[in-house]
PDB file of N, CA and C in Angstrom:
ATOM      1  N   MET A   1     144.804 143.313  30.375  1.00  0.00           N
ATOM      2  CA  MET A   1     144.302 142.151  31.512  1.00  0.00           C
ATOM      3  C   MET A   1     144.639 143.080  33.101  1.00  0.00           C
ATOM      4  N   SER A   2     143.778 142.884  33.552  1.00  0.00           N
ATOM      5  CA  SER A   2     143.556 143.565  34.363  1.00  0.00           C
ATOM      6  C   SER A   2     144.468 142.776  36.373  1.00  0.00           C
ATOM      7  N   TYR A   3     145.322 143.182  36.678  1.00  0.00           N
ATOM      8  CA  TYR A   3     145.610 142.627  37.555  1.00  0.00           C
ATOM      9  C   TYR A   3     145.609 143.439  38.968  1.00  0.00           C
ATOM     10  N   ASN A   4     144.896 142.573  40.576  1.00  0.00           N
ATOM     11  CA  ASN A   4     144.405 143.448  41.675  1.00  0.00           C
ATOM     12  C   ASN A   4     144.912 143.874  42.522  1.00  0.00           C
ATOM     13  N   ILE A   5     146.348 145.202  42.782  1.00  0.00           N
ATOM     14  CA  ILE A   5     146.573 144.581  43.607  1.00  0.00           C
ATOM     15  C   ILE A   5     146.099 145.069  44.987  1.00  0.00           C
ATOM     16  N   ALA A   6     146.493 144.058  46.384  1.00  0.00           N
ATOM     17  CA  ALA A   6     145.867 144.311  47.905  1.00  0.00           C
ATOM     18  C   ALA A   6     146.718 145.209  48.079  1.00  0.00           C
ATOM     19  N   VAL A   7     145.769 147.064  48.659  1.00  0.00           N
ATOM     20  CA  VAL A   7     147.131 147.869  50.047  1.00  0.00           C
ATOM     21  C   VAL A   7     146.939 147.950  50.549  1.00  0.00           C
ATOM     22  N   HIS A   8     147.466 147.444  51.839  1.00  0.00           N
ATOM     23  CA  HIS A   8     146.925 147.874  53.102  1.00  0.00           C
ATOM     24  C   HIS A   8     148.003 148.738  54.190  1.00  0.00           C
ATOM     25  N   TRP A   9     147.714 148.949  55.017  1.00  0.00           N
ATOM     26  CA  TRP A   9     149.127 150.392  55.921  1.00  0.00           C
ATOM     27  C   TRP A   9     148.977 148.823  57.184  1.00  0.00           C
ATOM     28  N   ASP A  10     150.285 148.784  57.036  1.00  0.00           N
ATOM     29  CA  ASP A  10     150.785 148.402  58.395  1.00  0.00           C
ATOM     30  C   ASP A  10     151.114 148.852  59.636  1.00  0.00           C
ATOM     31  N   SER A  11     150.092 148.908  60.278  1.00  0.00           N
ATOM     32  CA  SER A  11     150.349 149.983  61.735  1.00  0.00           C
ATOM     33  C   SER A  11     152.325 149.434  62.319  1.00  0.00           C
ATOM     34  N   GLU A  12     151.914 148.256  62.837  1.00  0.00           N
ATOM     35  CA  GLU A  12     153.605 147.915  62.944  1.00  0.00           C
ATOM     36  C   GLU A  12     154.654 147.744  62.668  1.00  0.00           C
ATOM     37  N   ALA A  13     154.544 147.984  61.110  1.00  0.00           N
ATOM     38  CA  ALA A  13     156.119 148.590  60.909  1.00  0.00           C
ATOM     39  C   ALA A  13     156.567 149.808  60.575  1.00  0.00           C
ATOM     40  N   GLY A  14     154.859 150.680  60.468  1.00  0.00           N
ATOM     41  CA  GLY A  14     155.000 151.800  59.465  1.00  0.00           C
ATOM     42  C   GLY A  14     154.761 151.747  58.390  1.00  0.00           C
ATOM     43  N   VAL A  15     154.619 151.146  57.053  1.00  0.00           N
ATOM     44  CA  VAL A  15     154.941 150.927  55.571  1.00  0.00           C
ATOM     45  C   VAL A  15     152.980 150.506  55.258  1.00  0.00           C
ATOM     46  N   TRP A  16     153.297 150.739  54.625  1.00  0.00           N
ATOM     47  CA  TRP A  16     152.054 150.783  53.184  1.00  0.00           C
ATOM     48  C   TRP A  16     153.282 149.513  52.601  1.00  0.00           C
ATOM     49  N   CYS A  17     151.604 148.289  52.450  1.00  0.00           N
ATOM     50  CA  CYS A  17     152.466 147.027  51.526  1.00  0.00           C
ATOM     51  C   CYS A  17     151.183 146.679  49.975  1.00  0.00           C
ATOM     52  N   ALA A  18     151.754 146.477  49.192  1.00  0.00           N
ATOM     53  CA  ALA A  18     150.577 146.152  48.239  1.00  0.00           C
ATOM     54  C   ALA A  18     151.373 144.907  48.064  1.00  0.00           C
ATOM     55  N   ILE A  19     151.036 143.924  47.151  1.00  0.00           N
ATOM     56  CA  ILE A  19     150.777 142.762  46.963  1.00  0.00           C
ATOM     57  C   ILE A  19     150.151 141.957  46.414  1.00  0.00           C
ATOM     58  N   CYS A  20     150.917 141.052  44.864  1.00  0.00           N
ATOM     59  CA  CYS A  20     149.526 140.695  44.408  1.00  0.00           C
ATOM     60  C   CYS A  20     150.481 139.284  44.380  1.00  0.00           C
ATOM     61  N   ASP A  21     149.168 138.809  44.053  1.00  0.00           N
ATOM     62  CA  ASP A  21     149.715 137.041  43.967  1.00  0.00           C
ATOM     63  C   ASP A  21     149.990 136.698  42.179  1.00  0.00           C
ATOM     64  N   GLU A  22     149.282 137.443  41.727  1.00  0.00           N
ATOM     65  CA  GLU A  22     148.972 137.172  39.327  1.00  0.00           C
ATOM     66  C   GLU A  22     150.116 137.514  39.282  1.00  0.00           C
ATOM     67  N   ILE A  23     150.876 138.822  39.842  1.00  0.00           N
ATOM     68  CA  ILE A  23     152.396 138.539  39.265  1.00  0.00           C
ATOM     69  C   ILE A  23     153.676 138.165  38.900  1.00  0.00           C
ATOM     70  N   PRO A  24     154.083 138.063  40.573  1.00  0.00           N
ATOM     71  CA  PRO A  24     153.445 137.747  41.750  1.00  0.00           C
ATOM     72  C   PRO A  24     154.488 139.192  42.021  1.00  0.00           C
ATOM     73  N   LEU A  25     153.973 140.143  42.950  1.00  0.00           N
ATOM     74  CA  LEU A  25     154.653 140.532  43.945  1.00  0.00           C
ATOM     75  C   LEU A  25     154.639 140.996  45.301  1.00  0.00           C
ATOM     76  N   ALA A  26     155.243 141.901  45.938  1.00  0.00           N
ATOM     77  CA  ALA A  26     155.503 142.400  47.231  1.00  0.00           C
ATOM     78  C   ALA A  26     156.595 143.468  47.822  1.00  0.00           C
ATOM     79  N   LEU A  27     155.468 144.596  47.656  1.00  0.00           N
ATOM     80  CA  LEU A  27     156.615 145.579  47.776  1.00  0.00           C
ATOM     81  C   LEU A  27     155.445 146.022  49.349  1.00  0.00           C
ATOM     82  N   GLU A  28     157.107 147.566  49.798  1.00  0.00           N
ATOM     83  CA  GLU A  28     156.190 148.193  50.748  1.00  0.00           C
ATOM     84  C   GLU A  28     157.003 149.425  50.836  1.00  0.00           C
ATOM     85  N   SER A  29     156.251 150.148  51.473  1.00  0.00           N
ATOM     86  CA  SER A  29     156.718 152.137  51.897  1.00  0.00           C
ATOM     87  C   SER A  29     156.435 152.547  52.343  1.00  0.00           C
ATOM     88  N   ASN A  30     156.965 153.318  52.871  1.00  0.00           N
ATOM     89  CA  ASN A  30     156.636 155.004  53.959  1.00  0.00           C
ATOM     90  C   ASN A  30     155.547 155.180  54.112  1.00  0.00           C
ATOM     91  N   SER A  31     155.112 155.739  52.617  1.00  0.00           N
ATOM     92  CA  SER A  31     154.389 156.925  51.754  1.00  0.00           C
ATOM     93  C   SER A  31     153.669 155.408  50.529  1.00  0.00           C
ATOM     94  N   PHE A  32     152.364 156.173  50.980  1.00  0.00           N
ATOM     95  CA  PHE A  32     151.450 154.822  50.135  1.00  0.00           C
ATOM     96  C   PHE A  32     152.007 155.642  48.480  1.00  0.00           C
ATOM     97  N   ASP A  33     151.871 156.916  47.917  1.00  0.00           N
ATOM     98  CA  ASP A  33     152.333 157.571  46.630  1.00  0.00           C
ATOM     99  C   ASP A  33     153.942 156.849  45.966  1.00  0.00           C
ATOM    100  N   ALA A  34     154.527 157.017  46.941  1.00  0.00           N
ATOM    101  CA  ALA A  34     155.699 156.500  46.931  1.00  0.00           C
ATOM    102  C   ALA A  34     155.669 155.019  46.339  1.00  0.00           C
ATOM    103  N   LEU A  35     154.467 154.292  46.821  1.00  0.00           N
ATOM    104  CA  LEU A  35     154.084 153.070  47.052  1.00  0.00           C
ATOM    105  C   LEU A  35     153.779 152.346  45.510  1.00  0.00           C
ATOM    106  N   VAL A  36     152.591 153.515  45.333  1.00  0.00           N
ATOM    107  CA  VAL A  36     152.331 153.197  44.119  1.00  0.00           C
ATOM    108  C   VAL A  36     152.453 153.259  42.587  1.00  0.00           C
ATOM    109  N   GLU A  37     153.709 154.046  43.283  1.00  0.00           N
ATOM    110  CA  GLU A  37     154.461 154.574  41.564  1.00  0.00           C
ATOM    111  C   GLU A  37     156.149 153.358  42.045  1.00  0.00           C
ATOM    112  N   LYS A  38     156.389 152.586  42.488  1.00  0.00           N
ATOM    113  CA  LYS A  38     156.949 151.847  42.899  1.00  0.00           C
ATOM    114  C   LYS A  38     156.427 150.578  42.490  1.00  0.00           C
ATOM    115  N   THR A  39     155.270 149.964  42.347  1.00  0.00           N
ATOM    116  CA  THR A  39     154.229 149.100  42.335  1.00  0.00           C
ATOM    117  C   THR A  39     154.151 148.735  40.289  1.00  0.00           C
ATOM    118  N   LYS A  40     153.610 149.683  40.403  1.00  0.00           N
ATOM    119  CA  LYS A  40     153.994 150.553  38.207  1.00  0.00           C
ATOM    120  C   LYS A  40     154.778 150.140  38.143  1.00  0.00           C
ATOM    121  N   HIS A  41     156.040 151.055  38.044  1.00  0.00           N
ATOM    122  CA  HIS A  41     157.757 150.490  37.623  1.00  0.00           C
ATOM    123  C   HIS A  41     157.566 148.846  37.978  1.00  0.00           C
ATOM    124  N   ILE A  42     158.011 148.150  39.226  1.00  0.00           N
ATOM    125  CA  ILE A  42     158.791 147.194  39.836  1.00  0.00           C
ATOM    126  C   ILE A  42     156.865 145.641  38.601  1.00  0.00           C
ATOM    127  N   ALA A  43     155.844 146.132  39.232  1.00  0.00           N
ATOM    128  CA  ALA A  43     154.730 145.456  37.661  1.00  0.00           C
ATOM    129  C   ALA A  43     155.798 145.796  36.709  1.00  0.00           C
ATOM    130  N   ARG A  44     155.595 146.299  35.878  1.00  0.00           N
ATOM    131  CA  ARG A  44     155.903 146.174  34.471  1.00  0.00           C
ATOM    132  C   ARG A  44     157.436 145.876  34.565  1.00  0.00           C
ATOM    133  N   GLU A  45     158.503 145.536  35.203  1.00  0.00           N
ATOM    134  CA  GLU A  45     159.262 144.970  34.868  1.00  0.00           C
ATOM    135  C   GLU A  45     159.114 142.993  34.599  1.00  0.00           C
ATOM    136  N   ILE A  46     158.320 142.692  36.040  1.00  0.00           N
ATOM    137  CA  ILE A  46     158.548 141.207  35.765  1.00  0.00           C
ATOM    138  C   ILE A  46     157.459 141.194  35.288  1.00  0.00           C
ATOM    139  N   LEU A  47     156.174 141.293  34.567  1.00  0.00           N
ATOM    140  CA  LEU A  47     155.518 141.072  33.234  1.00  0.00           C
ATOM    141  C   LEU A  47     155.919 141.349  32.491  1.00  0.00           C
ATOM    142  N   ALA A  48     157.297 141.793  32.311  1.00  0.00           N
ATOM    143  CA  ALA A  48     158.089 141.963  31.250  1.00  0.00           C
ATOM    144  C   ALA A  48     158.789 141.048  31.019  1.00  0.00           C
ATOM    145  N   LEU A  49     160.015 140.245  32.481  1.00  0.00           N
ATOM    146  CA  LEU A  49     160.628 139.418  32.199  1.00  0.00           C
ATOM    147  C   LEU A  49     159.782 138.076  31.352  1.00  0.00           C
ATOM    148  N   ASN A  50     158.253 138.126  32.302  1.00  0.00           N
ATOM    149  CA  ASN A  50     157.680 136.385  32.470  1.00  0.00           C
ATOM    150  C   ASN A  50     156.518 136.628  31.837  1.00  0.00           C
ATOM    151  N   ASN A  51     157.211 137.430  30.171  1.00  0.00           N
ATOM    152  CA  ASN A  51     156.988 137.952  28.989  1.00  0.00           C
ATOM    153  C   ASN A  51     154.488 137.614  28.944  1.00  0.00           C
ATOM    154  N   LYS A  52     154.152 138.529  29.995  1.00  0.00           N
ATOM    155  CA  LYS A  52     153.164 138.717  30.138  1.00  0.00           C
ATOM    156  C   LYS A  52     151.939 140.164  29.919  1.00  0.00           C
ATOM    157  N   LEU A  53     153.996 140.725  29.447  1.00  0.00           N
ATOM    158  CA  LEU A  53     153.129 142.865  29.709  1.00  0.00           C
ATOM    159  C   LEU A  53     152.589 142.731  28.354  1.00  0.00           C
ATOM    160  N   GLU A  54     151.130 142.954  28.425  1.00  0.00           N
ATOM    161  CA  GLU A  54     150.986 142.805  26.884  1.00  0.00           C
ATOM    162  C   GLU A  54     149.934 145.022  27.367  1.00  0.00           C
ATOM    163  N   ASN A  55     149.916 146.070  26.072  1.00  0.00           N
ATOM    164  CA  ASN A  55     149.160 147.349  26.057  1.00  0.00           C
ATOM    165  C   ASN A  55     148.300 147.861  27.160  1.00  0.00           C
ATOM    166  N   ALA A  56     147.118 146.556  26.669  1.00  0.00           N
ATOM    167  CA  ALA A  56     145.765 146.833  27.723  1.00  0.00           C
ATOM    168  C   ALA A  56     146.407 146.767  29.134  1.00  0.00           C
ATOM    169  N   ALA A  57     147.543 146.174  29.111  1.00  0.00           N
ATOM    170  CA  ALA A  57     147.471 145.787  30.974  1.00  0.00           C
ATOM    171  C   ALA A  57     147.268 147.071  31.534  1.00  0.00           C
ATOM    172  N   GLN A  58     146.594 146.216  32.937  1.00  0.00           N
ATOM    173  CA  GLN A  58     146.181 147.541  34.360  1.00  0.00           C
ATOM    174  C   GLN A  58     146.316 147.373  35.472  1.00  0.00           C
ATOM    175  N   LEU A  59     146.858 148.051  36.070  1.00  0.00           N
ATOM    176  CA  LEU A  59     146.759 147.610  37.940  1.00  0.00           C
ATOM    177  C   LEU A  59     145.738 148.523  38.542  1.00  0.00           C
ATOM    178  N   CYS A  60     145.085 147.150  39.092  1.00  0.00           N
ATOM    179  CA  CYS A  60     143.581 148.468  40.077  1.00  0.00           C
ATOM    180  C   CYS A  60     144.522 147.840  41.492  1.00  0.00           C
ATOM    181  N   PHE A  61     144.121 149.282  42.718  1.00  0.00           N
ATOM    182  CA  PHE A  61     144.741 149.335  43.842  1.00  0.00           C
ATOM    183  C   PHE A  61     144.055 149.069  44.606  1.00  0.00           C
ATOM    184  N   LYS A  62     144.069 148.580  45.019  1.00  0.00           N
ATOM    185  CA  LYS A  62     142.350 148.448  46.164  1.00  0.00           C
ATOM    186  C   LYS A  62     143.262 148.719  47.585  1.00  0.00           C
ATOM    187  N   VAL A  63     143.311 149.659  48.202  1.00  0.00           N
ATOM    188  CA  VAL A  63     143.229 150.245  49.605  1.00  0.00           C
ATOM    189  C   VAL A  63     142.275 149.303  50.448  1.00  0.00           C
ATOM    190  N   SER A  64     143.110 149.221  51.727  1.00  0.00           N
ATOM    191  CA  SER A  64     141.809 149.009  53.128  1.00  0.00           C
ATOM    192  C   SER A  64     142.679 149.647  53.427  1.00  0.00           C
ATOM    193  N   HIS A  65     142.208 149.859  55.074  1.00  0.00           N
ATOM    194  CA  HIS A  65     143.532 150.631  56.343  1.00  0.00           C
ATOM    195  C   HIS A  65     142.304 150.578  57.422  1.00  0.00           C
ATOM    196  N   SER A  66     142.589 149.689  58.311  1.00  0.00           N
ATOM    197  CA  SER A  66     142.211 149.586  59.595  1.00  0.00           C
ATOM    198  C   SER A  66     143.282 150.270  60.366  1.00  0.00           C
ATOM    199  N   GLU A  67     142.591 151.016  62.154  1.00  0.00           N
ATOM    200  CA  GLU A  67     142.975 150.552  62.899  1.00  0.00           C
ATOM    201  C   GLU A  67     142.828 150.180  64.029  1.00  0.00           C
ATOM    202  N   ARG A  68     143.129 149.924  65.075  1.00  0.00           N
ATOM    203  CA  ARG A  68     142.860 149.378  66.792  1.00  0.00           C
ATOM    204  C   ARG A  68     142.917 150.475  67.362  1.00  0.00           C
ATOM    205  N   ILE A  69     141.517 151.793  67.613  1.00  0.00           N
ATOM    206  CA  ILE A  69     141.511 152.328  69.235  1.00  0.00           C
ATOM    207  C   ILE A  69     141.080 152.161  70.426  1.00  0.00           C
ATOM    208  N   ALA A  70     141.315 150.903  70.145  1.00  0.00           N
ATOM    209  CA  ALA A  70     140.940 151.234  71.396  1.00  0.00           C
ATOM    210  C   ALA A  70     141.946 148.969  72.096  1.00  0.00           C
TER     211      ALA A  70
END
């Protein structure tokens, strides 16, 4: 099963956010790399607790970043 993780930069809070309603999870971190690692760890735990962890489970990170320049 493949899970789509929406990742975006929250410029007001100064953090990266990861959201997935299918798992479900919502996380944030100051670093993109730290967010990816945190998401992999937490997603595995949540899926295992809900008996949804499969050998073929895959996380697909979809990143968006937008900033106001004027």
